Protein backbone atom coordinates (compact mmCIF):
# COMPACT_ATOMS: atom_id res chain seq x y z
CA MET A 1 76.29 104.13 94.37
CA SER A 2 79.45 102.29 93.39
CA ALA A 3 79.68 100.21 90.25
CA ARG A 4 80.13 96.48 90.54
CA PRO A 5 83.58 95.24 89.51
CA MET A 6 82.21 93.57 86.39
CA ASP A 7 79.12 95.65 85.64
CA GLU A 8 77.10 93.72 83.08
CA LYS A 9 76.33 95.49 79.79
CA MET A 10 72.76 95.00 78.57
CA THR A 11 71.74 95.07 74.93
CA VAL A 12 68.87 97.24 73.74
CA SER A 13 66.88 94.04 73.11
CA GLU A 14 67.34 93.00 76.76
CA VAL A 15 66.17 96.41 77.98
CA LEU A 16 63.17 96.36 75.61
CA ALA A 17 62.18 92.88 76.79
CA ASP A 18 62.45 93.90 80.44
CA LEU A 19 60.44 97.11 79.99
CA LYS A 20 58.04 95.62 77.44
CA VAL A 21 58.24 98.71 75.21
CA ALA A 22 58.70 99.10 71.47
CA PRO A 23 62.11 99.99 70.05
CA SER A 24 60.68 103.29 68.79
CA THR A 25 59.72 104.22 72.36
CA PHE A 26 63.19 103.45 73.70
CA TYR A 27 64.94 105.41 70.92
CA ARG A 28 62.54 108.35 71.37
CA TRP A 29 63.41 108.41 75.09
CA ARG A 30 67.10 108.46 74.14
CA GLN A 31 66.56 111.25 71.64
CA LEU A 32 64.74 113.31 74.27
CA GLY A 33 67.42 112.60 76.89
CA LYS A 34 64.94 110.66 79.05
CA GLY A 35 66.35 107.16 78.64
CA PRO A 36 69.09 105.47 80.65
CA ARG A 37 72.64 106.57 79.92
CA ALA A 38 74.16 104.31 77.30
CA ILE A 39 77.46 103.35 75.72
CA LYS A 40 77.65 103.61 71.94
CA LEU A 41 80.16 101.12 70.56
CA PRO A 42 82.32 101.88 67.49
CA ASN A 43 80.10 99.61 65.36
CA GLY A 44 77.00 101.65 66.31
CA ASP A 45 75.59 99.12 68.78
CA VAL A 46 74.31 100.48 72.09
CA ARG A 47 74.85 98.94 75.54
CA ILE A 48 73.44 99.97 78.90
CA ARG A 49 75.24 99.18 82.15
CA ARG A 50 72.93 97.18 84.40
CA SER A 51 73.75 99.49 87.32
CA GLU A 52 72.77 102.52 85.22
CA TYR A 53 69.55 100.80 84.12
CA GLU A 54 68.63 99.96 87.73
CA ARG A 55 69.43 103.53 88.84
CA TRP A 56 67.31 104.96 86.01
CA LEU A 57 64.40 102.68 86.90
CA SER A 58 64.54 103.51 90.60
CA GLU A 59 64.42 107.24 89.81
CA ARG A 60 61.08 106.64 88.09
CA GLU A 61 59.37 104.89 90.99
CA ASP A 62 56.35 106.62 92.44
CA ALA A 63 56.98 108.15 95.84
CA ALA A 64 53.46 107.22 97.00
């Protein structure tokens, strides 16, 4: 899967709103290595590439 030329970076708040999960759940997933790959900015903020988020979601779809 190739990245889009200008792959949008999502904030944690945007991901939380889309998934409808609590921040503690998202950060626990990250701590356990089960969340989407993220970019940690020098100021400590976290961003998730939309393409990575979509890939991560599709990997979790039921095969049924």
